[in-house]
Amino acid sequence: MPTVGWVDTEDVIERWLDAPEEPELSELLEIAHDVCSAYAPAAVPSPVPARYGKAQMLQAQHIYARAKSGNGDSIGPDGFQVSTYALVLEARNLLRPPTRRGGIF
């Protein structure tokens, strides 16, 4: 399977159990990579840290969950719904880890 952005699609399929089928998965990963690249520091380290790939996967999962849930904020059958709060914050923290400033995180 190909590499899309900072992740290998085979690795994503192993970690994301309900990942969509190809070519939708690659499209989501490409979009997530674009979003993450825009937010990441201008100078991406070489080699790329593993956290960048994790951020890309979280962003792809967020986009997919929002697409499936429509205007609501949860997905799943009645009685088993899961809130789809913004995983984007977690992805942002992976791309730009919070730094301590003046004793406050």
PDB file of N, CA and C in Angstrom:
ATOM      1  N   MET A   1       0.842  -1.175   0.000  1.00  0.00           N
ATOM      2  CA  MET A   1       0.000   0.000   0.000  1.00  0.00           C
ATOM      3  C   MET A   1       0.893   1.247   0.000  1.00  0.00           C
ATOM      4  N   PRO A   2       0.391   2.328  -0.534  1.00  0.00           N
ATOM      5  CA  PRO A   2       1.209   3.536  -0.657  1.00  0.00           C
ATOM      6  C   PRO A   2       1.317   4.328   0.642  1.00  0.00           C
ATOM      7  N   THR A   3       2.275   5.214   0.649  1.00  0.00           N
ATOM      8  CA  THR A   3       2.417   6.176   1.728  1.00  0.00           C
ATOM      9  C   THR A   3       1.681   7.437   1.318  1.00  0.00           C
ATOM     10  N   VAL A   4       0.879   7.960   2.215  1.00  0.00           N
ATOM     11  CA  VAL A   4       0.148   9.198   1.966  1.00  0.00           C
ATOM     12  C   VAL A   4       0.564  10.182   3.052  1.00  0.00           C
ATOM     13  N   GLY A   5       1.268  11.219   2.647  1.00  0.00           N
ATOM     14  CA  GLY A   5       1.746  12.183   3.631  1.00  0.00           C
ATOM     15  C   GLY A   5       2.775  11.556   4.539  1.00  0.00           C
ATOM     16  N   TRP A   6       2.465  11.532   5.833  1.00  0.00           N
ATOM     17  CA  TRP A   6       3.414  11.001   6.819  1.00  0.00           C
ATOM     18  C   TRP A   6       3.078   9.595   7.276  1.00  0.00           C
ATOM     19  N   VAL A   7       2.074   8.950   6.655  1.00  0.00           N
ATOM     20  CA  VAL A   7       1.654   7.617   7.099  1.00  0.00           C
ATOM     21  C   VAL A   7       1.602   6.624   5.946  1.00  0.00           C
ATOM     22  N   ASP A   8       1.758   5.369   6.305  1.00  0.00           N
ATOM     23  CA  ASP A   8       1.591   4.269   5.359  1.00  0.00           C
ATOM     24  C   ASP A   8       0.161   3.762   5.533  1.00  0.00           C
ATOM     25  N   THR A   9      -0.548   3.589   4.449  1.00  0.00           N
ATOM     26  CA  THR A   9      -1.958   3.204   4.558  1.00  0.00           C
ATOM     27  C   THR A   9      -2.145   1.847   5.246  1.00  0.00           C
ATOM     28  N   GLU A  10      -1.203   0.927   5.100  1.00  0.00           N
ATOM     29  CA  GLU A  10      -1.315  -0.369   5.789  1.00  0.00           C
ATOM     30  C   GLU A  10      -1.290  -0.177   7.299  1.00  0.00           C
ATOM     31  N   ASP A  11      -0.404   0.704   7.777  1.00  0.00           N
ATOM     32  CA  ASP A  11      -0.344   0.984   9.215  1.00  0.00           C
ATOM     33  C   ASP A  11      -1.646   1.598   9.703  1.00  0.00           C
ATOM     34  N   VAL A  12      -2.209   2.489   8.904  1.00  0.00           N
ATOM     35  CA  VAL A  12      -3.468   3.133   9.283  1.00  0.00           C
ATOM     36  C   VAL A  12      -4.582   2.097   9.369  1.00  0.00           C
ATOM     37  N   ILE A  13      -4.648   1.193   8.411  1.00  0.00           N
ATOM     38  CA  ILE A  13      -5.688   0.153   8.413  1.00  0.00           C
ATOM     39  C   ILE A  13      -5.558  -0.740   9.645  1.00  0.00           C
ATOM     40  N   GLU A  14      -4.339  -1.048  10.066  1.00  0.00           N
ATOM     41  CA  GLU A  14      -4.125  -1.866  11.260  1.00  0.00           C
ATOM     42  C   GLU A  14      -4.567  -1.149  12.523  1.00  0.00           C
ATOM     43  N   ARG A  15      -4.368   0.157  12.591  1.00  0.00           N
ATOM     44  CA  ARG A  15      -4.671   0.920  13.798  1.00  0.00           C
ATOM     45  C   ARG A  15      -6.098   1.452  13.835  1.00  0.00           C
ATOM     46  N   TRP A  16      -6.679   1.713  12.687  1.00  0.00           N
ATOM     47  CA  TRP A  16      -8.027   2.286  12.599  1.00  0.00           C
ATOM     48  C   TRP A  16      -8.949   1.170  12.131  1.00  0.00           C
ATOM     49  N   LEU A  17      -9.600   0.515  13.078  1.00  0.00           N
ATOM     50  CA  LEU A  17     -10.357  -0.700  12.791  1.00  0.00           C
ATOM     51  C   LEU A  17     -11.540  -0.483  11.860  1.00  0.00           C
ATOM     52  N   ASP A  18     -12.188   0.680  11.924  1.00  0.00           N
ATOM     53  CA  ASP A  18     -13.330   0.923  11.042  1.00  0.00           C
ATOM     54  C   ASP A  18     -12.989   1.930   9.941  1.00  0.00           C
ATOM     55  N   ALA A  19     -11.750   1.865   9.495  1.00  0.00           N
ATOM     56  CA  ALA A  19     -11.304   2.761   8.419  1.00  0.00           C
ATOM     57  C   ALA A  19     -12.096   2.498   7.144  1.00  0.00           C
ATOM     58  N   PRO A  20     -12.365   3.549   6.379  1.00  0.00           N
ATOM     59  CA  PRO A  20     -13.077   3.349   5.112  1.00  0.00           C
ATOM     60  C   PRO A  20     -12.206   2.606   4.110  1.00  0.00           C
ATOM     61  N   GLU A  21     -12.830   2.064   3.093  1.00  0.00           N
ATOM     62  CA  GLU A  21     -12.108   1.341   2.044  1.00  0.00           C
ATOM     63  C   GLU A  21     -11.384   2.328   1.126  1.00  0.00           C
ATOM     64  N   GLU A  22     -10.441   1.799   0.366  1.00  0.00           N
ATOM     65  CA  GLU A  22      -9.780   2.589  -0.665  1.00  0.00           C
ATOM     66  C   GLU A  22     -10.768   2.855  -1.790  1.00  0.00           C
ATOM     67  N   PRO A  23     -10.729   3.917  -2.478  1.00  0.00           N
ATOM     68  CA  PRO A  23      -9.775   5.022  -2.434  1.00  0.00           C
ATOM     69  C   PRO A  23     -10.146   6.103  -1.432  1.00  0.00           C
ATOM     70  N   GLU A  24     -11.291   5.924  -0.715  1.00  0.00           N
ATOM     71  CA  GLU A  24     -11.719   6.943   0.250  1.00  0.00           C
ATOM     72  C   GLU A  24     -10.698   7.156   1.354  1.00  0.00           C
ATOM     73  N   LEU A  25     -10.069   6.071   1.819  1.00  0.00           N
ATOM     74  CA  LEU A  25      -9.071   6.193   2.880  1.00  0.00           C
ATOM     75  C   LEU A  25      -7.911   7.073   2.432  1.00  0.00           C
ATOM     76  N   SER A  26      -7.372   6.814   1.262  1.00  0.00           N
ATOM     77  CA  SER A  26      -6.246   7.621   0.772  1.00  0.00           C
ATOM     78  C   SER A  26      -6.650   9.086   0.599  1.00  0.00           C
ATOM     79  N   GLU A  27      -7.878   9.304   0.142  1.00  0.00           N
ATOM     80  CA  GLU A  27      -8.350  10.676  -0.022  1.00  0.00           C
ATOM     81  C   GLU A  27      -8.439  11.388   1.326  1.00  0.00           C
ATOM     82  N   LEU A  28      -8.983  10.709   2.344  1.00  0.00           N
ATOM     83  CA  LEU A  28      -9.058  11.290   3.683  1.00  0.00           C
ATOM     84  C   LEU A  28      -7.673  11.592   4.242  1.00  0.00           C
ATOM     85  N   LEU A  29      -6.742  10.652   4.041  1.00  0.00           N
ATOM     86  CA  LEU A  29      -5.384  10.852   4.538  1.00  0.00           C
ATOM     87  C   LEU A  29      -4.693  12.015   3.831  1.00  0.00           C
ATOM     88  N   GLU A  30      -4.958  12.164   2.556  1.00  0.00           N
ATOM     89  CA  GLU A  30      -4.364  13.283   1.804  1.00  0.00           C
ATOM     90  C   GLU A  30      -4.918  14.623   2.302  1.00  0.00           C
ATOM     91  N   ILE A  31      -6.217  14.683   2.514  1.00  0.00           N
ATOM     92  CA  ILE A  31      -6.833  15.906   3.032  1.00  0.00           C
ATOM     93  C   ILE A  31      -6.303  16.207   4.427  1.00  0.00           C
ATOM     94  N   ALA A  32      -6.235  15.187   5.279  1.00  0.00           N
ATOM     95  CA  ALA A  32      -5.718  15.372   6.636  1.00  0.00           C
ATOM     96  C   ALA A  32      -4.271  15.842   6.612  1.00  0.00           C
ATOM     97  N   HIS A  33      -3.482  15.313   5.687  1.00  0.00           N
ATOM     98  CA  HIS A  33      -2.090  15.738   5.576  1.00  0.00           C
ATOM     99  C   HIS A  33      -2.010  17.211   5.192  1.00  0.00           C
ATOM    100  N   ASP A  34      -2.857  17.637   4.272  1.00  0.00           N
ATOM    101  CA  ASP A  34      -2.879  19.046   3.872  1.00  0.00           C
ATOM    102  C   ASP A  34      -3.212  19.945   5.059  1.00  0.00           C
ATOM    103  N   VAL A  35      -4.222  19.548   5.839  1.00  0.00           N
ATOM    104  CA  VAL A  35      -4.631  20.334   7.004  1.00  0.00           C
ATOM    105  C   VAL A  35      -3.512  20.376   8.041  1.00  0.00           C
ATOM    106  N   CYS A  36      -2.925  19.218   8.315  1.00  0.00           N
ATOM    107  CA  CYS A  36      -1.849  19.147   9.307  1.00  0.00           C
ATOM    108  C   CYS A  36      -0.597  19.900   8.840  1.00  0.00           C
ATOM    109  N   SER A  37      -0.297  19.823   7.568  1.00  0.00           N
ATOM    110  CA  SER A  37       0.871  20.533   7.031  1.00  0.00           C
ATOM    111  C   SER A  37       0.708  22.039   7.184  1.00  0.00           C
ATOM    112  N   ALA A  38      -0.518  22.512   7.005  1.00  0.00           N
ATOM    113  CA  ALA A  38      -0.774  23.944   7.136  1.00  0.00           C
ATOM    114  C   ALA A  38      -0.595  24.407   8.577  1.00  0.00           C
ATOM    115  N   TYR A  39      -0.846  23.527   9.540  1.00  0.00           N
ATOM    116  CA  TYR A  39      -0.751  23.891  10.955  1.00  0.00           C
ATOM    117  C   TYR A  39       0.636  23.607  11.540  1.00  0.00           C
ATOM    118  N   ALA A  40       1.324  22.639  10.983  1.00  0.00           N
ATOM    119  CA  ALA A  40       2.638  22.237  11.517  1.00  0.00           C
ATOM    120  C   ALA A  40       3.644  23.380  11.390  1.00  0.00           C
ATOM    121  N   PRO A  41       4.698  23.345  12.201  1.00  0.00           N
ATOM    122  CA  PRO A  41       5.747  24.350  12.042  1.00  0.00           C
ATOM    123  C   PRO A  41       6.287  24.342  10.611  1.00  0.00           C
ATOM    124  N   ALA A  42       6.735  25.491  10.159  1.00  0.00           N
ATOM    125  CA  ALA A  42       7.194  25.630   8.771  1.00  0.00           C
ATOM    126  C   ALA A  42       8.326  24.664   8.446  1.00  0.00           C
ATOM    127  N   ALA A  43       9.218  24.455   9.390  1.00  0.00           N
ATOM    128  CA  ALA A  43      10.351  23.546   9.169  1.00  0.00           C
ATOM    129  C   ALA A  43      10.022  22.180   9.763  1.00  0.00           C
ATOM    130  N   VAL A  44       9.535  21.274   8.928  1.00  0.00           N
ATOM    131  CA  VAL A  44       9.226  19.921   9.388  1.00  0.00           C
ATOM    132  C   VAL A  44      10.539  19.179   9.580  1.00  0.00           C
ATOM    133  N   PRO A  45      10.755  18.627  10.787  1.00  0.00           N
ATOM    134  CA  PRO A  45      12.020  17.935  11.052  1.00  0.00           C
ATOM    135  C   PRO A  45      12.223  16.725  10.146  1.00  0.00           C
ATOM    136  N   SER A  46      13.486  16.384   9.933  1.00  0.00           N
ATOM    137  CA  SER A  46      13.820  15.186   9.170  1.00  0.00           C
ATOM    138  C   SER A  46      14.707  14.316  10.042  1.00  0.00           C
ATOM    139  N   PRO A  47      14.340  13.094  10.315  1.00  0.00           N
ATOM    140  CA  PRO A  47      13.135  12.397   9.876  1.00  0.00           C
ATOM    141  C   PRO A  47      11.891  12.957  10.568  1.00  0.00           C
ATOM    142  N   VAL A  48      10.755  12.769   9.932  1.00  0.00           N
ATOM    143  CA  VAL A  48       9.489  13.268  10.458  1.00  0.00           C
ATOM    144  C   VAL A  48       9.135  12.485  11.722  1.00  0.00           C
ATOM    145  N   PRO A  49       8.837  13.190  12.819  1.00  0.00           N
ATOM    146  CA  PRO A  49       8.482  12.497  14.069  1.00  0.00           C
ATOM    147  C   PRO A  49       7.212  11.652  13.902  1.00  0.00           C
ATOM    148  N   ALA A  50       7.137  10.571  14.650  1.00  0.00           N
ATOM    149  CA  ALA A  50       5.967   9.682  14.600  1.00  0.00           C
ATOM    150  C   ALA A  50       4.693  10.415  14.984  1.00  0.00           C
ATOM    151  N   ARG A  51       4.800  11.416  15.850  1.00  0.00           N
ATOM    152  CA  ARG A  51       3.618  12.160  16.282  1.00  0.00           C
ATOM    153  C   ARG A  51       2.938  12.886  15.122  1.00  0.00           C
ATOM    154  N   TYR A  52       3.695  13.239  14.077  1.00  0.00           N
ATOM    155  CA  TYR A  52       3.097  13.878  12.902  1.00  0.00           C
ATOM    156  C   TYR A  52       2.161  12.899  12.190  1.00  0.00           C
ATOM    157  N   GLY A  53       2.588  11.663  12.061  1.00  0.00           N
ATOM    158  CA  GLY A  53       1.734  10.642  11.448  1.00  0.00           C
ATOM    159  C   GLY A  53       0.493  10.379  12.274  1.00  0.00           C
ATOM    160  N   LYS A  54       0.657  10.354  13.600  1.00  0.00           N
ATOM    161  CA  LYS A  54      -0.487  10.150  14.493  1.00  0.00           C
ATOM    162  C   LYS A  54      -1.464  11.313  14.356  1.00  0.00           C
ATOM    163  N   ALA A  55      -0.943  12.532  14.261  1.00  0.00           N
ATOM    164  CA  ALA A  55      -1.800  13.706  14.081  1.00  0.00           C
ATOM    165  C   ALA A  55      -2.570  13.612  12.767  1.00  0.00           C
ATOM    166  N   GLN A  56      -1.905  13.163  11.717  1.00  0.00           N
ATOM    167  CA  GLN A  56      -2.561  13.017  10.420  1.00  0.00           C
ATOM    168  C   GLN A  56      -3.695  11.994  10.498  1.00  0.00           C
ATOM    169  N   MET A  57      -3.449  10.877  11.175  1.00  0.00           N
ATOM    170  CA  MET A  57      -4.469   9.848  11.298  1.00  0.00           C
ATOM    171  C   MET A  57      -5.649  10.353  12.138  1.00  0.00           C
ATOM    172  N   LEU A  58      -5.375  11.066  13.239  1.00  0.00           N
ATOM    173  CA  LEU A  58      -6.446  11.618  14.066  1.00  0.00           C
ATOM    174  C   LEU A  58      -7.293  12.617  13.278  1.00  0.00           C
ATOM    175  N   GLN A  59      -6.626  13.430  12.466  1.00  0.00           N
ATOM    176  CA  GLN A  59      -7.357  14.399  11.656  1.00  0.00           C
ATOM    177  C   GLN A  59      -8.242  13.680  10.633  1.00  0.00           C
ATOM    178  N   ALA A  60      -7.722  12.625  10.017  1.00  0.00           N
ATOM    179  CA  ALA A  60      -8.513  11.848   9.054  1.00  0.00           C
ATOM    180  C   ALA A  60      -9.719  11.212   9.740  1.00  0.00           C
ATOM    181  N   GLN A  61      -9.519  10.676  10.943  1.00  0.00           N
ATOM    182  CA  GLN A  61     -10.625  10.083  11.688  1.00  0.00           C
ATOM    183  C   GLN A  61     -11.675  11.136  12.023  1.00  0.00           C
ATOM    184  N   HIS A  62     -11.227  12.320  12.374  1.00  0.00           N
ATOM    185  CA  HIS A  62     -12.149  13.408  12.700  1.00  0.00           C
ATOM    186  C   HIS A  62     -12.992  13.789  11.480  1.00  0.00           C
ATOM    187  N   ILE A  63     -12.350  13.954  10.346  1.00  0.00           N
ATOM    188  CA  ILE A  63     -13.063  14.311   9.118  1.00  0.00           C
ATOM    189  C   ILE A  63     -14.087  13.227   8.775  1.00  0.00           C
ATOM    190  N   TYR A  64     -13.678  11.972   8.880  1.00  0.00           N
ATOM    191  CA  TYR A  64     -14.566  10.840   8.574  1.00  0.00           C
ATOM    192  C   TYR A  64     -15.755  10.801   9.537  1.00  0.00           C
ATOM    193  N   ALA A  65     -15.483  10.984  10.836  1.00  0.00           N
ATOM    194  CA  ALA A  65     -16.553  10.946  11.836  1.00  0.00           C
ATOM    195  C   ALA A  65     -17.550  12.068  11.607  1.00  0.00           C
ATOM    196  N   ARG A  66     -17.064  13.246  11.279  1.00  0.00           N
ATOM    197  CA  ARG A  66     -17.960  14.377  11.023  1.00  0.00           C
ATOM    198  C   ARG A  66     -18.804  14.127   9.767  1.00  0.00           C
ATOM    199  N   ALA A  67     -18.206  13.526   8.776  1.00  0.00           N
ATOM    200  CA  ALA A  67     -18.952  13.230   7.550  1.00  0.00           C
ATOM    201  C   ALA A  67     -20.056  12.204   7.821  1.00  0.00           C
ATOM    202  N   LYS A  68     -19.788  11.224   8.665  1.00  0.00           N
ATOM    203  CA  LYS A  68     -20.777  10.189   8.977  1.00  0.00           C
ATOM    204  C   LYS A  68     -21.869  10.688   9.903  1.00  0.00           C
ATOM    205  N   SER A  69     -21.549  11.631  10.795  1.00  0.00           N
ATOM    206  CA  SER A  69     -22.531  12.060  11.788  1.00  0.00           C
ATOM    207  C   SER A  69     -23.443  13.163  11.284  1.00  0.00           C
ATOM    208  N   GLY A  70     -23.102  13.775  10.164  1.00  0.00           N
ATOM    209  CA  GLY A  70     -23.944  14.839   9.623  1.00  0.00           C
ATOM    210  C   GLY A  70     -23.942  16.054  10.521  1.00  0.00           C
ATOM    211  N   ASN A  71     -25.134  16.619  10.766  1.00  0.00           N
ATOM    212  CA  ASN A  71     -25.233  17.815  11.596  1.00  0.00           C
ATOM    213  C   ASN A  71     -25.179  17.501  13.084  1.00  0.00           C
ATOM    214  N   GLY A  72     -25.346  16.228  13.451  1.00  0.00           N
ATOM    215  CA  GLY A  72     -25.299  15.842  14.856  1.00  0.00           C
ATOM    216  C   GLY A  72     -23.869  15.782  15.358  1.00  0.00           C
ATOM    217  N   ASP A  73     -23.733  15.551  16.649  1.00  0.00           N
ATOM    218  CA  ASP A  73     -22.389  15.455  17.209  1.00  0.00           C
ATOM    219  C   ASP A  73     -22.082  14.062  17.734  1.00  0.00           C
ATOM    220  N   SER A  74     -22.853  13.062  17.273  1.00  0.00           N
ATOM    221  CA  SER A  74     -22.595  11.697  17.702  1.00  0.00           C
ATOM    222  C   SER A  74     -22.911  10.737  16.567  1.00  0.00           C
ATOM    223  N   ILE A  75     -22.257   9.575  16.626  1.00  0.00           N
ATOM    224  CA  ILE A  75     -22.501   8.536  15.635  1.00  0.00           C
ATOM    225  C   ILE A  75     -22.758   7.222  16.353  1.00  0.00           C
ATOM    226  N   GLY A  76     -23.437   6.307  15.689  1.00  0.00           N
ATOM    227  CA  GLY A  76     -23.694   4.987  16.241  1.00  0.00           C
ATOM    228  C   GLY A  76     -25.175   4.745  16.393  1.00  0.00           C
ATOM    229  N   PRO A  77     -25.556   3.461  16.567  1.00  0.00           N
ATOM    230  CA  PRO A  77     -26.973   3.124  16.725  1.00  0.00           C
ATOM    231  C   PRO A  77     -27.497   3.631  18.066  1.00  0.00           C
ATOM    232  N   ASP A  78     -28.805   3.789  18.163  1.00  0.00           N
ATOM    233  CA  ASP A  78     -29.423   4.273  19.406  1.00  0.00           C
ATOM    234  C   ASP A  78     -28.957   3.459  20.597  1.00  0.00           C
ATOM    235  N   GLY A  79     -28.651   4.155  21.666  1.00  0.00           N
ATOM    236  CA  GLY A  79     -28.195   3.494  22.885  1.00  0.00           C
ATOM    237  C   GLY A  79     -26.702   3.243  22.919  1.00  0.00           C
ATOM    238  N   PHE A  80     -26.036   3.343  21.772  1.00  0.00           N
ATOM    239  CA  PHE A  80     -24.603   3.092  21.713  1.00  0.00           C
ATOM    240  C   PHE A  80     -23.874   4.238  21.006  1.00  0.00           C
ATOM    241  N   GLN A  81     -24.390   5.440  21.134  1.00  0.00           N
ATOM    242  CA  GLN A  81     -23.805   6.565  20.420  1.00  0.00           C
ATOM    243  C   GLN A  81     -22.553   7.069  21.122  1.00  0.00           C
ATOM    244  N   VAL A  82     -21.627   7.524  20.311  1.00  0.00           N
ATOM    245  CA  VAL A  82     -20.365   8.061  20.799  1.00  0.00           C
ATOM    246  C   VAL A  82     -20.249   9.488  20.303  1.00  0.00           C
ATOM    247  N   SER A  83     -19.892  10.390  21.193  1.00  0.00           N
ATOM    248  CA  SER A  83     -19.727  11.788  20.814  1.00  0.00           C
ATOM    249  C   SER A  83     -18.514  11.939  19.907  1.00  0.00           C
ATOM    250  N   THR A  84     -18.647  12.783  18.904  1.00  0.00           N
ATOM    251  CA  THR A  84     -17.536  13.003  17.968  1.00  0.00           C
ATOM    252  C   THR A  84     -16.928  14.382  18.208  1.00  0.00           C
ATOM    253  N   TYR A  85     -16.487  14.622  19.451  1.00  0.00           N
ATOM    254  CA  TYR A  85     -15.850  15.900  19.754  1.00  0.00           C
ATOM    255  C   TYR A  85     -14.576  16.045  18.938  1.00  0.00           C
ATOM    256  N   ALA A  86     -14.094  17.229  18.871  1.00  0.00           N
ATOM    257  CA  ALA A  86     -12.989  17.551  17.967  1.00  0.00           C
ATOM    258  C   ALA A  86     -11.683  16.861  18.356  1.00  0.00           C
ATOM    259  N   LEU A  87     -11.326  15.869  17.590  1.00  0.00           N
ATOM    260  CA  LEU A  87     -10.020  15.251  17.747  1.00  0.00           C
ATOM    261  C   LEU A  87      -8.929  16.176  17.216  1.00  0.00           C
ATOM    262  N   VAL A  88      -9.367  17.215  16.543  1.00  0.00           N
ATOM    263  CA  VAL A  88      -8.432  18.152  15.952  1.00  0.00           C
ATOM    264  C   VAL A  88      -7.511  18.741  17.017  1.00  0.00           C
ATOM    265  N   LEU A  89      -8.033  19.010  18.203  1.00  0.00           N
ATOM    266  CA  LEU A  89      -7.208  19.562  19.271  1.00  0.00           C
ATOM    267  C   LEU A  89      -6.054  18.623  19.605  1.00  0.00           C
ATOM    268  N   GLU A  90      -6.327  17.333  19.663  1.00  0.00           N
ATOM    269  CA  GLU A  90      -5.273  16.358  19.931  1.00  0.00           C
ATOM    270  C   GLU A  90      -4.238  16.372  18.808  1.00  0.00           C
ATOM    271  N   ALA A  91      -4.703  16.456  17.570  1.00  0.00           N
ATOM    272  CA  ALA A  91      -3.782  16.503  16.439  1.00  0.00           C
ATOM    273  C   ALA A  91      -2.922  17.758  16.512  1.00  0.00           C
ATOM    274  N   ARG A  92      -3.525  18.882  16.851  1.00  0.00           N
ATOM    275  CA  ARG A  92      -2.758  20.130  16.967  1.00  0.00           C
ATOM    276  C   ARG A  92      -1.673  20.019  18.024  1.00  0.00           C
ATOM    277  N   ASN A  93      -2.021  19.400  19.162  1.00  0.00           N
ATOM    278  CA  ASN A  93      -1.041  19.251  20.229  1.00  0.00           C
ATOM    279  C   ASN A  93       0.109  18.334  19.828  1.00  0.00           C
ATOM    280  N   LEU A  94      -0.155  17.388  18.944  1.00  0.00           N
ATOM    281  CA  LEU A  94       0.915  16.522  18.462  1.00  0.00           C
ATOM    282  C   LEU A  94       1.833  17.265  17.497  1.00  0.00           C
ATOM    283  N   LEU A  95       1.258  18.160  16.708  1.00  0.00           N
ATOM    284  CA  LEU A  95       2.051  18.915  15.746  1.00  0.00           C
ATOM    285  C   LEU A  95       2.841  20.045  16.407  1.00  0.00           C
ATOM    286  N   ARG A  96       2.211  20.698  17.349  1.00  0.00           N
ATOM    287  CA  ARG A  96       2.849  21.788  18.092  1.00  0.00           C
ATOM    288  C   ARG A  96       2.613  21.549  19.574  1.00  0.00           C
ATOM    289  N   PRO A  97       3.458  20.750  20.217  1.00  0.00           N
ATOM    290  CA  PRO A  97       3.251  20.445  21.629  1.00  0.00           C
ATOM    291  C   PRO A  97       3.205  21.732  22.469  1.00  0.00           C
ATOM    292  N   PRO A  98       2.301  21.762  23.434  1.00  0.00           N
ATOM    293  CA  PRO A  98       2.224  22.950  24.285  1.00  0.00           C
ATOM    294  C   PRO A  98       3.546  23.161  25.025  1.00  0.00           C
ATOM    295  N   THR A  99       3.928  24.400  25.152  1.00  0.00           N
ATOM    296  CA  THR A  99       5.155  24.711  25.874  1.00  0.00           C
ATOM    297  C   THR A  99       4.803  25.485  27.138  1.00  0.00           C
ATOM    298  N   ARG A 100       5.643  25.363  28.095  1.00  0.00           N
ATOM    299  CA  ARG A 100       5.404  26.017  29.369  1.00  0.00           C
ATOM    300  C   ARG A 100       5.840  27.469  29.262  1.00  0.00           C
ATOM    301  N   ARG A 101       4.950  28.377  29.664  1.00  0.00           N
ATOM    302  CA  ARG A 101       5.248  29.799  29.619  1.00  0.00           C
ATOM    303  C   ARG A 101       4.886  30.427  30.951  1.00  0.00           C
ATOM    304  N   GLY A 102       5.875  30.977  31.610  1.00  0.00           N
ATOM    305  CA  GLY A 102       5.609  31.684  32.861  1.00  0.00           C
ATOM    306  C   GLY A 102       4.960  30.847  33.940  1.00  0.00           C
ATOM    307  N   GLY A 103       5.249  29.569  33.960  1.00  0.00           N
ATOM    308  CA  GLY A 103       4.697  28.687  34.985  1.00  0.00           C
ATOM    309  C   GLY A 103       3.300  28.184  34.686  1.00  0.00           C
ATOM    310  N   ILE A 104       2.772  28.546  33.534  1.00  0.00           N
ATOM    311  CA  ILE A 104       1.429  28.092  33.145  1.00  0.00           C
ATOM    312  C   ILE A 104       1.548  27.260  31.884  1.00  0.00           C
ATOM    313  N   PHE A 105       0.859  26.129  31.860  1.00  0.00           N
ATOM    314  CA  PHE A 105       0.892  25.284  30.676  1.00  0.00           C
ATOM    315  C   PHE A 105       0.007  25.839  29.603  1.00  0.00           C
TER     316      PHE A 105
END
